[in-house]
Amino acid sequence: QVQLVESGGGLVQAGGSLRLSCAASGRTFSSRAMGWFRQVPGKEREFVAAIGWTDARTNYAYYADSVKGRFTISRDGAKNTAYLQMNSLKPEDTAVYYCAAAGLFDYKIPPSRIAQYDYWGQGTQVTVSS
């Protein structure tokens, strides 16, 4: 089992920045990718960004078109923590953001689908005011 805890959400004005963190605990050695998804009421959960790794030094990052150039995903393997730096935030970025971990990763297959993930956090609210 892997436990995931998100933090860093909050209220920010349009154009501002937030940094989300996702701390993993438990059987973290079994994870090979971590992703961020978001969801607004009445809509499906959507992919935001993901990072996969094949070894301690080789990371692959993937982004949804809607956040490319504004969001940056990273990870600290020693801390078992993934980060999502969100800049130039827009009101349409308002959502609950969820962190997820996957036990399998192939760099040729972007980890952008919900079904690719085994564990999920409880989510953190991000609200961007106009």
Foldseek 3Di string as FASTA:
>chain_A
DKAKAKDWADEEAAQAKIKMKIFIDDPLVLFFKKFKWWDDPPDDIFGAKMWGDDDPPDIDIDGDPVQPPFWDWDDDVVRRMIMIIGGSDDQVVWTWMKMFTARDDDNVDPPTDPVRTDDIYPTDTHGYHD
